[in-house]
Amino acid sequence: MTRLRNAVLGGLAALAIGGVASSALAEESGSFQNRLNGATVGLPLGALPPPGLYTGLETAYLGMLGVGPNTRGNQGAPPLNFYLPAIAQAVPLLWVPGWNFLGATYAMSVVQAFYNNNNTGTVSAGSPFGTPANPVIAGNYTTANTLWNPIVLSWNLGSGWFVSLGFNFTAPDGTHTSTNGLFTPNPDYWTFEPTFAVAYLASSWNLAANFFYDINTKSQGKCCASSLLSPGVPPGGFGITSGNALYGDFHALYKLGKWSIGPVAYFEAQTTKDTGFGCPALCGNLSNVAVGGLVGYDFGPVDLQVWVTDSVARSNAIDGFDIWTRLGFRIWGPEAPKPLVAKN
């Protein structure tokens, strides 16, 4: 095993917890989904770290910019530019027990995220990293929905190549009503998510493509657009079922000593239509593409990554210039086996 693959699998790949962590981060306020697109860039999710218990912290400053009429739910509205900055954090727990199944390494995890949605706003103007849009909710630190990852299987194909298959589901157990009785962006529905990832970790390269396919259940009318449009909401809410969506996160990092640097990108594409009361007038298929760059440093027991992304093409989505940081480390690992005979 090369030094790079040792570093990645023993250190940087410990950050693979952030891959499942990303699913629990609050979706950017306004598009109201259970996945935060772009949150697994920098993570070779095709590979798993050595046996042990891992944790970390991922933080995102989301300087979201929305543009109408291509903002979801605002078709036909006047052209608008408004900023909805928010801060999200996620704490994952990944367990790699050392079990093998079908020739693959097995792991499971759970993630809890939190975010400050103090600038979930109206369509009035604001500025990034400055004056926010008029807030619907001000200063609420909110518990996000919990993501559960009961299974991920990773195969080592040799020559530096890895692939993985997994399954996540997100439960609607987060905060849905703020302290002043208004909505939070937490989805009030379940999301079921098969995953696929491929990674190449050799010759000083860390290349990865991580894919997720979200299948959503029916909304109960306790969040998002249903709350925003009150009192015109029918009894029991709109009951909208958000369409399925495909997500992809990508990076191409090159390792120089303890440093890693390279470009990153992500996309989101809705593959089925929203259904329910008010659709299609109040609904729309969303899509988004963003690009950026990442810098990482290996401190030994702890790995740090910092990256930025900016939306370059979107429709019916809210996104913009975002800043991300990630820390990852192992908190427990099995002891190395003791020799049967002591050396003289």
C-alpha atoms as a PDB file:
ATOM      1  CA  MET A   1       0.000   0.000   0.000  1.00  0.00           C
ATOM      2  CA  THR A   2       1.439   3.382  -0.996  1.00  0.00           C
ATOM      3  CA  ARG A   3       1.998   6.178   1.509  1.00  0.00           C
ATOM      4  CA  LEU A   4      -0.852   8.128  -0.080  1.00  0.00           C
ATOM      5  CA  ARG A   5      -3.301   5.266   0.309  1.00  0.00           C
ATOM      6  CA  ASN A   6      -2.143   4.762   3.906  1.00  0.00           C
ATOM      7  CA  ALA A   7      -2.743   8.458   4.554  1.00  0.00           C
ATOM      8  CA  VAL A   8      -6.110   8.435   2.864  1.00  0.00           C
ATOM      9  CA  LEU A   9      -7.457   5.235   4.349  1.00  0.00           C
ATOM     10  CA  GLY A  10      -6.013   5.873   7.802  1.00  0.00           C
ATOM     11  CA  GLY A  11      -6.511   9.618   8.015  1.00  0.00           C
ATOM     12  CA  LEU A  12      -8.263  11.457   5.206  1.00  0.00           C
ATOM     13  CA  ALA A  13     -10.651   8.595   4.545  1.00  0.00           C
ATOM     14  CA  ALA A  14     -11.689   8.882   8.166  1.00  0.00           C
ATOM     15  CA  LEU A  15     -13.409  11.967   6.820  1.00  0.00           C
ATOM     16  CA  ALA A  16     -15.705   9.662   4.872  1.00  0.00           C
ATOM     17  CA  ILE A  17     -17.976  10.171   7.834  1.00  0.00           C
ATOM     18  CA  GLY A  18     -18.649  13.551   6.318  1.00  0.00           C
ATOM     19  CA  GLY A  19     -20.233  11.800   3.365  1.00  0.00           C
ATOM     20  CA  VAL A  20     -23.043  10.515   5.490  1.00  0.00           C
ATOM     21  CA  ALA A  21     -22.889  13.655   7.554  1.00  0.00           C
ATOM     22  CA  SER A  22     -23.743  15.727   4.521  1.00  0.00           C
ATOM     23  CA  SER A  23     -27.101  14.078   4.194  1.00  0.00           C
ATOM     24  CA  ALA A  24     -28.144  15.368   7.580  1.00  0.00           C
ATOM     25  CA  LEU A  25     -27.096  18.952   6.996  1.00  0.00           C
ATOM     26  CA  ALA A  26     -30.044  21.254   6.448  1.00  0.00           C
ATOM     27  CA  GLU A  27     -30.718  21.852   2.775  1.00  0.00           C
ATOM     28  CA  GLU A  28     -30.218  25.453   1.796  1.00  0.00           C
ATOM     29  CA  SER A  29     -33.221  27.409   3.037  1.00  0.00           C
ATOM     30  CA  GLY A  30     -35.768  27.663   0.270  1.00  0.00           C
ATOM     31  CA  SER A  31     -35.381  24.375  -1.576  1.00  0.00           C
ATOM     32  CA  PHE A  32     -36.241  22.355   1.545  1.00  0.00           C
ATOM     33  CA  GLN A  33     -34.707  18.941   1.003  1.00  0.00           C
ATOM     34  CA  ASN A  34     -32.950  16.429   3.228  1.00  0.00           C
ATOM     35  CA  ARG A  35     -29.645  16.526   1.290  1.00  0.00           C
ATOM     36  CA  LEU A  36     -27.199  19.416   1.194  1.00  0.00           C
ATOM     37  CA  ASN A  37     -25.699  19.168  -2.264  1.00  0.00           C
ATOM     38  CA  GLY A  38     -21.927  19.526  -2.387  1.00  0.00           C
ATOM     39  CA  ALA A  39     -21.239  18.445   1.190  1.00  0.00           C
ATOM     40  CA  THR A  40     -19.290  15.271   0.276  1.00  0.00           C
ATOM     41  CA  VAL A  41     -16.754  16.901  -2.060  1.00  0.00           C
ATOM     42  CA  GLY A  42     -13.259  16.024  -0.912  1.00  0.00           C
ATOM     43  CA  LEU A  43     -14.354  12.621   0.422  1.00  0.00           C
ATOM     44  CA  PRO A  44     -13.427   9.361  -1.345  1.00  0.00           C
ATOM     45  CA  LEU A  45     -16.641   7.601  -0.347  1.00  0.00           C
ATOM     46  CA  GLY A  46     -15.802   4.600  -2.479  1.00  0.00           C
ATOM     47  CA  ALA A  47     -13.248   3.623   0.199  1.00  0.00           C
ATOM     48  CA  LEU A  48     -13.741   2.971   3.918  1.00  0.00           C
ATOM     49  CA  PRO A  49     -11.204   3.668   6.693  1.00  0.00           C
ATOM     50  CA  PRO A  50      -9.672   0.861   8.802  1.00  0.00           C
ATOM     51  CA  PRO A  51     -11.770  -0.709  11.593  1.00  0.00           C
ATOM     52  CA  GLY A  52     -12.677   1.706  14.362  1.00  0.00           C
ATOM     53  CA  LEU A  53     -15.088   4.390  15.548  1.00  0.00           C
ATOM     54  CA  TYR A  54     -14.845   7.756  13.824  1.00  0.00           C
ATOM     55  CA  THR A  55     -16.322  11.200  14.317  1.00  0.00           C
ATOM     56  CA  GLY A  56     -15.703  14.785  13.214  1.00  0.00           C
ATOM     57  CA  LEU A  57     -17.319  18.120  12.469  1.00  0.00           C
ATOM     58  CA  GLU A  58     -18.418  19.640   9.175  1.00  0.00           C
ATOM     59  CA  THR A  59     -19.368  23.314   9.021  1.00  0.00           C
ATOM     60  CA  ALA A  60     -20.872  25.191   6.084  1.00  0.00           C
ATOM     61  CA  TYR A  61     -21.471  28.903   5.653  1.00  0.00           C
ATOM     62  CA  LEU A  62     -24.188  29.036   3.002  1.00  0.00           C
ATOM     63  CA  GLY A  63     -24.265  32.450   1.328  1.00  0.00           C
ATOM     64  CA  MET A  64     -27.310  31.526  -0.731  1.00  0.00           C
ATOM     65  CA  LEU A  65     -28.431  33.607  -3.665  1.00  0.00           C
ATOM     66  CA  GLY A  66     -31.850  33.127  -5.224  1.00  0.00           C
ATOM     67  CA  VAL A  67     -32.956  34.434  -8.604  1.00  0.00           C
ATOM     68  CA  GLY A  68     -36.582  34.622  -9.761  1.00  0.00           C
ATOM     69  CA  PRO A  69     -38.481  33.583 -11.742  1.00  0.00           C
ATOM     70  CA  ASN A  70     -36.155  30.554 -11.640  1.00  0.00           C
ATOM     71  CA  THR A  71     -36.542  30.172  -7.888  1.00  0.00           C
ATOM     72  CA  ARG A  72     -38.619  27.159  -6.961  1.00  0.00           C
ATOM     73  CA  GLY A  73     -42.173  28.194  -6.144  1.00  0.00           C
ATOM     74  CA  ASN A  74     -41.753  31.644  -7.748  1.00  0.00           C
ATOM     75  CA  GLN A  75     -42.401  30.885 -11.397  1.00  0.00           C
ATOM     76  CA  GLY A  76     -43.884  33.948 -13.013  1.00  0.00           C
ATOM     77  CA  ALA A  77     -42.622  36.259 -10.264  1.00  0.00           C
ATOM     78  CA  PRO A  78     -40.573  39.376 -11.112  1.00  0.00           C
ATOM     79  CA  PRO A  79     -36.804  38.875 -11.390  1.00  0.00           C
ATOM     80  CA  LEU A  80     -35.329  38.959  -7.892  1.00  0.00           C
ATOM     81  CA  ASN A  81     -31.948  38.722  -6.208  1.00  0.00           C
ATOM     82  CA  PHE A  82     -31.886  37.968  -2.491  1.00  0.00           C
ATOM     83  CA  TYR A  83     -29.403  36.452  -0.081  1.00  0.00           C
ATOM     84  CA  LEU A  84     -30.253  33.979   2.680  1.00  0.00           C
ATOM     85  CA  PRO A  85     -27.012  33.270   4.561  1.00  0.00           C
ATOM     86  CA  ALA A  86     -27.090  30.395   7.057  1.00  0.00           C
ATOM     87  CA  ILE A  87     -24.622  28.307   9.063  1.00  0.00           C
ATOM     88  CA  ALA A  88     -24.935  24.506   9.296  1.00  0.00           C
ATOM     89  CA  GLN A  89     -22.927  21.951  11.302  1.00  0.00           C
ATOM     90  CA  ALA A  90     -23.030  18.150  11.425  1.00  0.00           C
ATOM     91  CA  VAL A  91     -21.559  15.625  13.877  1.00  0.00           C
ATOM     92  CA  PRO A  92     -21.363  12.060  12.488  1.00  0.00           C
ATOM     93  CA  LEU A  93     -20.541   8.753  14.126  1.00  0.00           C
ATOM     94  CA  LEU A  94     -19.136   6.041  11.843  1.00  0.00           C
ATOM     95  CA  TRP A  95     -18.482   2.461  12.929  1.00  0.00           C
ATOM     96  CA  VAL A  96     -16.296   0.166  10.829  1.00  0.00           C
ATOM     97  CA  PRO A  97     -16.395  -3.171  12.690  1.00  0.00           C
ATOM     98  CA  GLY A  98     -14.000  -5.023  10.399  1.00  0.00           C
ATOM     99  CA  TRP A  99     -16.698  -7.309   8.976  1.00  0.00           C
ATOM    100  CA  ASN A 100     -16.614  -8.522   5.380  1.00  0.00           C
ATOM    101  CA  PHE A 101     -19.644  -9.348   3.242  1.00  0.00           C
ATOM    102  CA  LEU A 102     -19.621 -10.408  -0.405  1.00  0.00           C
ATOM    103  CA  GLY A 103     -15.955  -9.489  -0.556  1.00  0.00           C
ATOM    104  CA  ALA A 104     -16.642  -5.943   0.690  1.00  0.00           C
ATOM    105  CA  THR A 105     -15.891  -4.043   3.909  1.00  0.00           C
ATOM    106  CA  TYR A 106     -19.024  -3.165   5.914  1.00  0.00           C
ATOM    107  CA  ALA A 107     -19.767   0.038   7.870  1.00  0.00           C
ATOM    108  CA  MET A 108     -22.737   1.863   9.403  1.00  0.00           C
ATOM    109  CA  SER A 109     -23.296   5.375  10.756  1.00  0.00           C
ATOM    110  CA  VAL A 110     -25.674   7.945  12.170  1.00  0.00           C
ATOM    111  CA  VAL A 111     -25.473  11.725  11.831  1.00  0.00           C
ATOM    112  CA  GLN A 112     -27.067  14.619  13.672  1.00  0.00           C
ATOM    113  CA  ALA A 113     -26.875  18.123  12.268  1.00  0.00           C
ATOM    114  CA  PHE A 114     -27.774  21.594  13.496  1.00  0.00           C
ATOM    115  CA  TYR A 115     -28.097  24.928  11.750  1.00  0.00           C
ATOM    116  CA  ASN A 116     -28.814  28.566  12.373  1.00  0.00           C
ATOM    117  CA  ASN A 117     -31.643  29.537  10.024  1.00  0.00           C
ATOM    118  CA  ASN A 118     -31.749  33.150  11.168  1.00  0.00           C
ATOM    119  CA  ASN A 119     -31.994  34.461   7.611  1.00  0.00           C
ATOM    120  CA  THR A 120     -34.728  32.411   6.028  1.00  0.00           C
ATOM    121  CA  GLY A 121     -36.154  35.424   4.282  1.00  0.00           C
ATOM    122  CA  THR A 122     -38.734  36.958   2.026  1.00  0.00           C
ATOM    123  CA  VAL A 123     -38.009  38.184  -1.466  1.00  0.00           C
ATOM    124  CA  SER A 124     -36.543  41.498  -0.325  1.00  0.00           C
ATOM    125  CA  ALA A 125     -32.971  42.300  -1.275  1.00  0.00           C
ATOM    126  CA  GLY A 126     -29.894  41.606   0.825  1.00  0.00           C
ATOM    127  CA  SER A 127     -26.180  41.172   0.379  1.00  0.00           C
ATOM    128  CA  PRO A 128     -23.820  38.228   0.947  1.00  0.00           C
ATOM    129  CA  PHE A 129     -21.858  38.333   4.220  1.00  0.00           C
ATOM    130  CA  GLY A 130     -23.716  41.539   5.056  1.00  0.00           C
ATOM    131  CA  THR A 131     -27.287  42.736   5.272  1.00  0.00           C
ATOM    132  CA  PRO A 132     -29.650  39.744   5.116  1.00  0.00           C
ATOM    133  CA  ALA A 133     -33.027  39.555   3.471  1.00  0.00           C
ATOM    134  CA  ASN A 134     -36.010  40.347   5.695  1.00  0.00           C
ATOM    135  CA  PRO A 135     -36.138  37.358   8.060  1.00  0.00           C
ATOM    136  CA  VAL A 136     -39.088  35.066   8.541  1.00  0.00           C
ATOM    137  CA  ILE A 137     -37.229  33.574  11.510  1.00  0.00           C
ATOM    138  CA  ALA A 138     -34.468  35.417  13.344  1.00  0.00           C
ATOM    139  CA  GLY A 139     -31.755  33.725  15.379  1.00  0.00           C
ATOM    140  CA  ASN A 140     -33.131  30.199  15.753  1.00  0.00           C
ATOM    141  CA  TYR A 141     -30.607  27.384  16.240  1.00  0.00           C
ATOM    142  CA  THR A 142     -32.435  24.396  14.829  1.00  0.00           C
ATOM    143  CA  THR A 143     -32.010  20.631  15.082  1.00  0.00           C
ATOM    144  CA  ALA A 144     -31.960  19.069  11.622  1.00  0.00           C
ATOM    145  CA  ASN A 145     -33.503  15.741  10.661  1.00  0.00           C
ATOM    146  CA  THR A 146     -31.425  12.690  11.614  1.00  0.00           C
ATOM    147  CA  LEU A 147     -29.732  10.622   8.919  1.00  0.00           C
ATOM    148  CA  TRP A 148     -29.318   6.881   9.411  1.00  0.00           C
ATOM    149  CA  ASN A 149     -26.905   4.839   7.313  1.00  0.00           C
ATOM    150  CA  PRO A 150     -27.501   1.154   8.226  1.00  0.00           C
ATOM    151  CA  ILE A 151     -25.234  -0.233   5.506  1.00  0.00           C
ATOM    152  CA  VAL A 152     -22.397   0.719   3.200  1.00  0.00           C
ATOM    153  CA  LEU A 153     -20.253  -1.866   1.401  1.00  0.00           C
ATOM    154  CA  SER A 154     -16.865  -0.941  -0.065  1.00  0.00           C
ATOM    155  CA  TRP A 155     -14.902  -3.112  -2.507  1.00  0.00           C
ATOM    156  CA  ASN A 156     -11.164  -2.762  -3.084  1.00  0.00           C
ATOM    157  CA  LEU A 157     -10.741  -3.436  -6.809  1.00  0.00           C
ATOM    158  CA  GLY A 158      -6.956  -3.139  -6.743  1.00  0.00           C
ATOM    159  CA  SER A 159      -4.544  -0.699  -8.409  1.00  0.00           C
ATOM    160  CA  GLY A 160      -5.939   2.114  -6.263  1.00  0.00           C
ATOM    161  CA  TRP A 161      -9.595   1.729  -7.329  1.00  0.00           C
ATOM    162  CA  PHE A 162     -12.530   1.407  -4.879  1.00  0.00           C
ATOM    163  CA  VAL A 163     -16.313   1.323  -5.290  1.00  0.00           C
ATOM    164  CA  SER A 164     -19.088   1.362  -2.704  1.00  0.00           C
ATOM    165  CA  LEU A 165     -22.839   0.836  -2.475  1.00  0.00           C
ATOM    166  CA  GLY A 166     -24.970   2.004   0.427  1.00  0.00           C
ATOM    167  CA  PHE A 167     -28.385   2.984   1.685  1.00  0.00           C
ATOM    168  CA  ASN A 168     -29.396   6.003   3.796  1.00  0.00           C
ATOM    169  CA  PHE A 169     -32.702   7.188   5.159  1.00  0.00           C
ATOM    170  CA  THR A 170     -33.576  10.494   6.800  1.00  0.00           C
ATOM    171  CA  ALA A 171     -36.304  10.676   9.431  1.00  0.00           C
ATOM    172  CA  PRO A 172     -38.470  13.818   9.888  1.00  0.00           C
ATOM    173  CA  ASP A 173     -37.509  14.169  13.558  1.00  0.00           C
ATOM    174  CA  GLY A 174     -35.951  17.645  13.495  1.00  0.00           C
ATOM    175  CA  THR A 175     -37.419  20.930  14.687  1.00  0.00           C
ATOM    176  CA  HIS A 176     -40.405  21.953  12.576  1.00  0.00           C
ATOM    177  CA  THR A 177     -41.718  24.985  14.464  1.00  0.00           C
ATOM    178  CA  SER A 178     -39.600  27.916  15.586  1.00  0.00           C
ATOM    179  CA  THR A 179     -39.865  29.688  18.925  1.00  0.00           C
ATOM    180  CA  ASN A 180     -42.157  32.306  17.389  1.00  0.00           C
ATOM    181  CA  GLY A 181     -44.472  29.708  15.849  1.00  0.00           C
ATOM    182  CA  LEU A 182     -43.278  30.036  12.260  1.00  0.00           C
ATOM    183  CA  PHE A 183     -41.792  27.323  10.066  1.00  0.00           C
ATOM    184  CA  THR A 184     -38.251  25.970   9.862  1.00  0.00           C
ATOM    185  CA  PRO A 185     -36.752  24.602   6.641  1.00  0.00           C
ATOM    186  CA  ASN A 186     -36.687  21.005   7.972  1.00  0.00           C
ATOM    187  CA  PRO A 187     -38.582  18.666   5.635  1.00  0.00           C
ATOM    188  CA  ASP A 188     -41.542  16.971   7.323  1.00  0.00           C
ATOM    189  CA  TYR A 189     -41.213  13.823   5.219  1.00  0.00           C
ATOM    190  CA  TRP A 190     -38.951  10.769   4.970  1.00  0.00           C
ATOM    191  CA  THR A 191     -36.204  10.465   2.369  1.00  0.00           C
ATOM    192  CA  PHE A 192     -34.821   7.100   1.221  1.00  0.00           C
ATOM    193  CA  GLU A 193     -31.440   7.259  -0.497  1.00  0.00           C
ATOM    194  CA  PRO A 194     -29.433   4.574  -2.326  1.00  0.00           C
ATOM    195  CA  THR A 195     -25.805   5.600  -2.835  1.00  0.00           C
ATOM    196  CA  PHE A 196     -22.938   4.748  -5.179  1.00  0.00           C
ATOM    197  CA  ALA A 197     -19.349   6.001  -5.132  1.00  0.00           C
ATOM    198  CA  VAL A 198     -16.102   5.347  -6.978  1.00  0.00           C
ATOM    199  CA  ALA A 199     -12.630   6.455  -5.870  1.00  0.00           C
ATOM    200  CA  TYR A 200      -9.051   6.293  -7.135  1.00  0.00           C
ATOM    201  CA  LEU A 201      -6.369   6.611  -4.438  1.00  0.00           C
ATOM    202  CA  ALA A 202      -2.869   6.149  -5.845  1.00  0.00           C
ATOM    203  CA  SER A 203       0.117   7.972  -7.371  1.00  0.00           C
ATOM    204  CA  SER A 204      -0.521  11.019  -5.132  1.00  0.00           C
ATOM    205  CA  TRP A 205      -4.044  11.370  -6.556  1.00  0.00           C
ATOM    206  CA  ASN A 206      -7.360  11.346  -4.688  1.00  0.00           C
ATOM    207  CA  LEU A 207     -10.145  11.227  -7.301  1.00  0.00           C
ATOM    208  CA  ALA A 208     -13.771  10.574  -6.385  1.00  0.00           C
ATOM    209  CA  ALA A 209     -17.337  10.689  -7.663  1.00  0.00           C
ATOM    210  CA  ASN A 210     -20.130  10.268  -5.094  1.00  0.00           C
ATOM    211  CA  PHE A 211     -23.751   9.779  -6.220  1.00  0.00           C
ATOM    212  CA  PHE A 212     -27.031   9.814  -4.269  1.00  0.00           C
ATOM    213  CA  TYR A 213     -30.617   9.269  -5.414  1.00  0.00           C
ATOM    214  CA  ASP A 214     -33.275  10.732  -3.112  1.00  0.00           C
ATOM    215  CA  ILE A 215     -36.797   9.267  -2.996  1.00  0.00           C
ATOM    216  CA  ASN A 216     -39.170  11.405  -0.914  1.00  0.00           C
ATOM    217  CA  THR A 217     -42.446  10.601   0.813  1.00  0.00           C
ATOM    218  CA  LYS A 218     -45.456  12.914   1.007  1.00  0.00           C
ATOM    219  CA  SER A 219     -45.167  16.146   3.001  1.00  0.00           C
ATOM    220  CA  GLN A 220     -47.504  16.566   5.974  1.00  0.00           C
ATOM    221  CA  GLY A 221     -47.783  20.314   5.397  1.00  0.00           C
ATOM    222  CA  LYS A 222     -45.746  21.247   8.494  1.00  0.00           C
ATOM    223  CA  CYS A 223     -42.825  22.945   6.780  1.00  0.00           C
ATOM    224  CA  CYS A 224     -41.584  24.980   3.910  1.00  0.00           C
ATOM    225  CA  ALA A 225     -43.942  26.328   1.251  1.00  0.00           C
ATOM    226  CA  SER A 226     -47.034  25.110   3.100  1.00  0.00           C
ATOM    227  CA  SER A 227     -46.136  27.344   6.024  1.00  0.00           C
ATOM    228  CA  LEU A 228     -44.942  30.244   3.895  1.00  0.00           C
ATOM    229  CA  LEU A 229     -48.229  30.481   2.013  1.00  0.00           C
ATOM    230  CA  SER A 230     -50.492  30.374   5.076  1.00  0.00           C
ATOM    231  CA  PRO A 231     -53.371  31.274   5.471  1.00  0.00           C
ATOM    232  CA  GLY A 232     -54.059  30.011   1.949  1.00  0.00           C
ATOM    233  CA  VAL A 233     -53.015  26.505   2.935  1.00  0.00           C
ATOM    234  CA  PRO A 234     -55.815  23.907   2.813  1.00  0.00           C
ATOM    235  CA  PRO A 235     -56.528  21.794   5.942  1.00  0.00           C
ATOM    236  CA  GLY A 236     -53.676  19.363   6.506  1.00  0.00           C
ATOM    237  CA  GLY A 237     -51.306  21.383   4.328  1.00  0.00           C
ATOM    238  CA  PHE A 238     -50.608  21.016   0.642  1.00  0.00           C
ATOM    239  CA  GLY A 239     -49.473  17.415   0.962  1.00  0.00           C
ATOM    240  CA  ILE A 240     -46.913  17.865  -1.789  1.00  0.00           C
ATOM    241  CA  THR A 241     -44.581  14.987  -2.648  1.00  0.00           C
ATOM    242  CA  SER A 242     -41.235  16.386  -3.761  1.00  0.00           C
ATOM    243  CA  GLY A 243     -39.888  14.743  -6.900  1.00  0.00           C
ATOM    244  CA  ASN A 244     -36.967  12.340  -6.769  1.00  0.00           C
ATOM    245  CA  ALA A 245     -33.534  13.899  -7.274  1.00  0.00           C
ATOM    246  CA  LEU A 246     -30.062  12.750  -8.346  1.00  0.00           C
ATOM    247  CA  TYR A 247     -26.986  14.304  -6.690  1.00  0.00           C
ATOM    248  CA  GLY A 248     -23.325  14.048  -7.620  1.00  0.00           C
ATOM    249  CA  ASP A 249     -20.237  15.389  -5.798  1.00  0.00           C
ATOM    250  CA  PHE A 250     -16.781  15.309  -7.421  1.00  0.00           C
ATOM    251  CA  HIS A 251     -13.168  16.162  -6.652  1.00  0.00           C
ATOM    252  CA  ALA A 252      -9.697  15.714  -8.150  1.00  0.00           C
ATOM    253  CA  LEU A 253      -7.086  16.297  -5.438  1.00  0.00           C
ATOM    254  CA  TYR A 254      -3.316  16.029  -5.694  1.00  0.00           C
ATOM    255  CA  LYS A 255      -1.223  15.387  -2.581  1.00  0.00           C
ATOM    256  CA  LEU A 256       1.970  17.407  -1.988  1.00  0.00           C
ATOM    257  CA  GLY A 257       3.496  16.255   1.289  1.00  0.00           C
ATOM    258  CA  LYS A 258       0.868  16.930   3.946  1.00  0.00           C
ATOM    259  CA  TRP A 259      -1.100  19.240   1.623  1.00  0.00           C
ATOM    260  CA  SER A 260      -3.893  18.339  -0.798  1.00  0.00           C
ATOM    261  CA  ILE A 261      -5.290  20.703  -3.418  1.00  0.00           C
ATOM    262  CA  GLY A 262      -7.587  20.497  -6.412  1.00  0.00           C
ATOM    263  CA  PRO A 263     -10.875  21.399  -8.099  1.00  0.00           C
ATOM    264  CA  VAL A 264     -14.302  20.290  -6.870  1.00  0.00           C
ATOM    265  CA  ALA A 265     -17.812  20.339  -8.326  1.00  0.00           C
ATOM    266  CA  TYR A 266     -21.341  19.129  -7.657  1.00  0.00           C
ATOM    267  CA  PHE A 267     -24.695  18.887  -9.388  1.00  0.00           C
ATOM    268  CA  GLU A 268     -28.332  18.316  -8.466  1.00  0.00           C
ATOM    269  CA  ALA A 269     -31.059  17.295 -10.916  1.00  0.00           C
ATOM    270  CA  GLN A 270     -34.708  16.536 -10.160  1.00  0.00           C
ATOM    271  CA  THR A 271     -35.767  13.458 -12.122  1.00  0.00           C
ATOM    272  CA  THR A 272     -39.517  13.266 -11.386  1.00  0.00           C
ATOM    273  CA  LYS A 273     -42.153  15.948 -11.012  1.00  0.00           C
ATOM    274  CA  ASP A 274     -43.556  17.229  -7.711  1.00  0.00           C
ATOM    275  CA  THR A 275     -47.120  16.094  -7.109  1.00  0.00           C
ATOM    276  CA  GLY A 276     -49.938  17.299  -4.880  1.00  0.00           C
ATOM    277  CA  PHE A 277     -52.134  20.326  -4.246  1.00  0.00           C
ATOM    278  CA  GLY A 278     -51.013  23.396  -6.216  1.00  0.00           C
ATOM    279  CA  CYS A 279     -48.749  21.517  -8.624  1.00  0.00           C
ATOM    280  CA  PRO A 280     -47.532  22.296 -11.186  1.00  0.00           C
ATOM    281  CA  ALA A 281     -48.302  26.005 -10.596  1.00  0.00           C
ATOM    282  CA  LEU A 282     -46.463  26.125  -7.252  1.00  0.00           C
ATOM    283  CA  CYS A 283     -43.894  23.445  -8.100  1.00  0.00           C
ATOM    284  CA  GLY A 284     -40.980  23.121 -10.482  1.00  0.00           C
ATOM    285  CA  ASN A 285     -38.164  20.757 -11.387  1.00  0.00           C
ATOM    286  CA  LEU A 286     -34.929  22.008  -9.863  1.00  0.00           C
ATOM    287  CA  SER A 287     -31.378  21.703 -11.123  1.00  0.00           C
ATOM    288  CA  ASN A 288     -28.083  23.169 -10.001  1.00  0.00           C
ATOM    289  CA  VAL A 289     -24.379  23.002 -10.923  1.00  0.00           C
ATOM    290  CA  ALA A 290     -21.539  24.475  -8.844  1.00  0.00           C
ATOM    291  CA  VAL A 291     -17.736  24.476  -9.063  1.00  0.00           C
ATOM    292  CA  GLY A 292     -14.939  25.431  -6.711  1.00  0.00           C
ATOM    293  CA  GLY A 293     -11.625  24.450  -5.132  1.00  0.00           C
ATOM    294  CA  LEU A 294     -10.352  22.645  -2.028  1.00  0.00           C
ATOM    295  CA  VAL A 295      -7.251  22.783   0.162  1.00  0.00           C
ATOM    296  CA  GLY A 296      -6.521  20.119   2.796  1.00  0.00           C
ATOM    297  CA  TYR A 297      -3.819  19.512   5.410  1.00  0.00           C
ATOM    298  CA  ASP A 298      -2.934  16.316   7.278  1.00  0.00           C
ATOM    299  CA  PHE A 299      -2.115  17.126  10.928  1.00  0.00           C
ATOM    300  CA  GLY A 300      -1.569  13.459  11.763  1.00  0.00           C
ATOM    301  CA  PRO A 301      -4.408  12.379  14.059  1.00  0.00           C
ATOM    302  CA  VAL A 302      -6.712  15.066  12.613  1.00  0.00           C
ATOM    303  CA  ASP A 303      -7.351  16.024   8.988  1.00  0.00           C
ATOM    304  CA  LEU A 304      -8.587  19.452   7.916  1.00  0.00           C
ATOM    305  CA  GLN A 305     -10.250  20.432   4.637  1.00  0.00           C
ATOM    306  CA  VAL A 306     -11.440  23.872   3.533  1.00  0.00           C
ATOM    307  CA  TRP A 307     -13.224  24.480   0.250  1.00  0.00           C
ATOM    308  CA  VAL A 308     -15.402  26.993  -1.548  1.00  0.00           C
ATOM    309  CA  THR A 309     -18.092  26.493  -4.170  1.00  0.00           C
ATOM    310  CA  ASP A 310     -20.187  28.814  -6.286  1.00  0.00           C
ATOM    311  CA  SER A 311     -23.265  28.074  -8.372  1.00  0.00           C
ATOM    312  CA  VAL A 312     -22.726  28.506 -12.118  1.00  0.00           C
ATOM    313  CA  ALA A 313     -26.060  27.236 -13.472  1.00  0.00           C
ATOM    314  CA  ARG A 314     -29.365  26.679 -11.692  1.00  0.00           C
ATOM    315  CA  SER A 315     -33.085  26.522 -12.250  1.00  0.00           C
ATOM    316  CA  ASN A 316     -35.798  26.581  -9.568  1.00  0.00           C
ATOM    317  CA  ALA A 317     -33.086  26.332  -6.895  1.00  0.00           C
ATOM    318  CA  ILE A 318     -31.492  28.520  -4.259  1.00  0.00           C
ATOM    319  CA  ASP A 319     -27.721  28.354  -4.095  1.00  0.00           C
ATOM    320  CA  GLY A 320     -24.698  30.643  -4.177  1.00  0.00           C
ATOM    321  CA  PHE A 321     -21.188  31.184  -2.817  1.00  0.00           C
ATOM    322  CA  ASP A 322     -20.531  28.746   0.039  1.00  0.00           C
ATOM    323  CA  ILE A 323     -17.562  28.185   2.375  1.00  0.00           C
ATOM    324  CA  TRP A 324     -17.004  24.776   3.963  1.00  0.00           C
ATOM    325  CA  THR A 325     -14.686  23.259   6.578  1.00  0.00           C
ATOM    326  CA  ARG A 326     -14.301  19.670   7.731  1.00  0.00           C
ATOM    327  CA  LEU A 327     -12.397  17.961  10.586  1.00  0.00           C
ATOM    328  CA  GLY A 328     -12.202  14.179  10.917  1.00  0.00           C
ATOM    329  CA  PHE A 329     -10.512  11.781  13.323  1.00  0.00           C
ATOM    330  CA  ARG A 330     -10.727   8.300  14.841  1.00  0.00           C
ATOM    331  CA  ILE A 331     -11.835   8.102  18.476  1.00  0.00           C
ATOM    332  CA  TRP A 332     -11.321   4.353  18.918  1.00  0.00           C
ATOM    333  CA  GLY A 333      -9.629   1.504  17.100  1.00  0.00           C
ATOM    334  CA  PRO A 334      -8.891  -2.149  17.853  1.00  0.00           C
ATOM    335  CA  GLU A 335      -5.550  -2.843  19.466  1.00  0.00           C
ATOM    336  CA  ALA A 336      -2.855  -4.391  17.320  1.00  0.00           C
ATOM    337  CA  PRO A 337      -2.605  -8.149  17.967  1.00  0.00           C
ATOM    338  CA  LYS A 338       0.083  -9.130  20.490  1.00  0.00           C
ATOM    339  CA  PRO A 339       2.746 -11.616  19.365  1.00  0.00           C
ATOM    340  CA  LEU A 340       2.305 -15.178  20.646  1.00  0.00           C
ATOM    341  CA  VAL A 341       6.013 -15.409  21.483  1.00  0.00           C
ATOM    342  CA  ALA A 342       7.947 -12.498  22.917  1.00  0.00           C
ATOM    343  CA  LYS A 343      10.986 -11.435  20.960  1.00  0.00           C
ATOM    344  CA  ASN A 344      14.350 -11.914  22.675  1.00  0.00           C
END
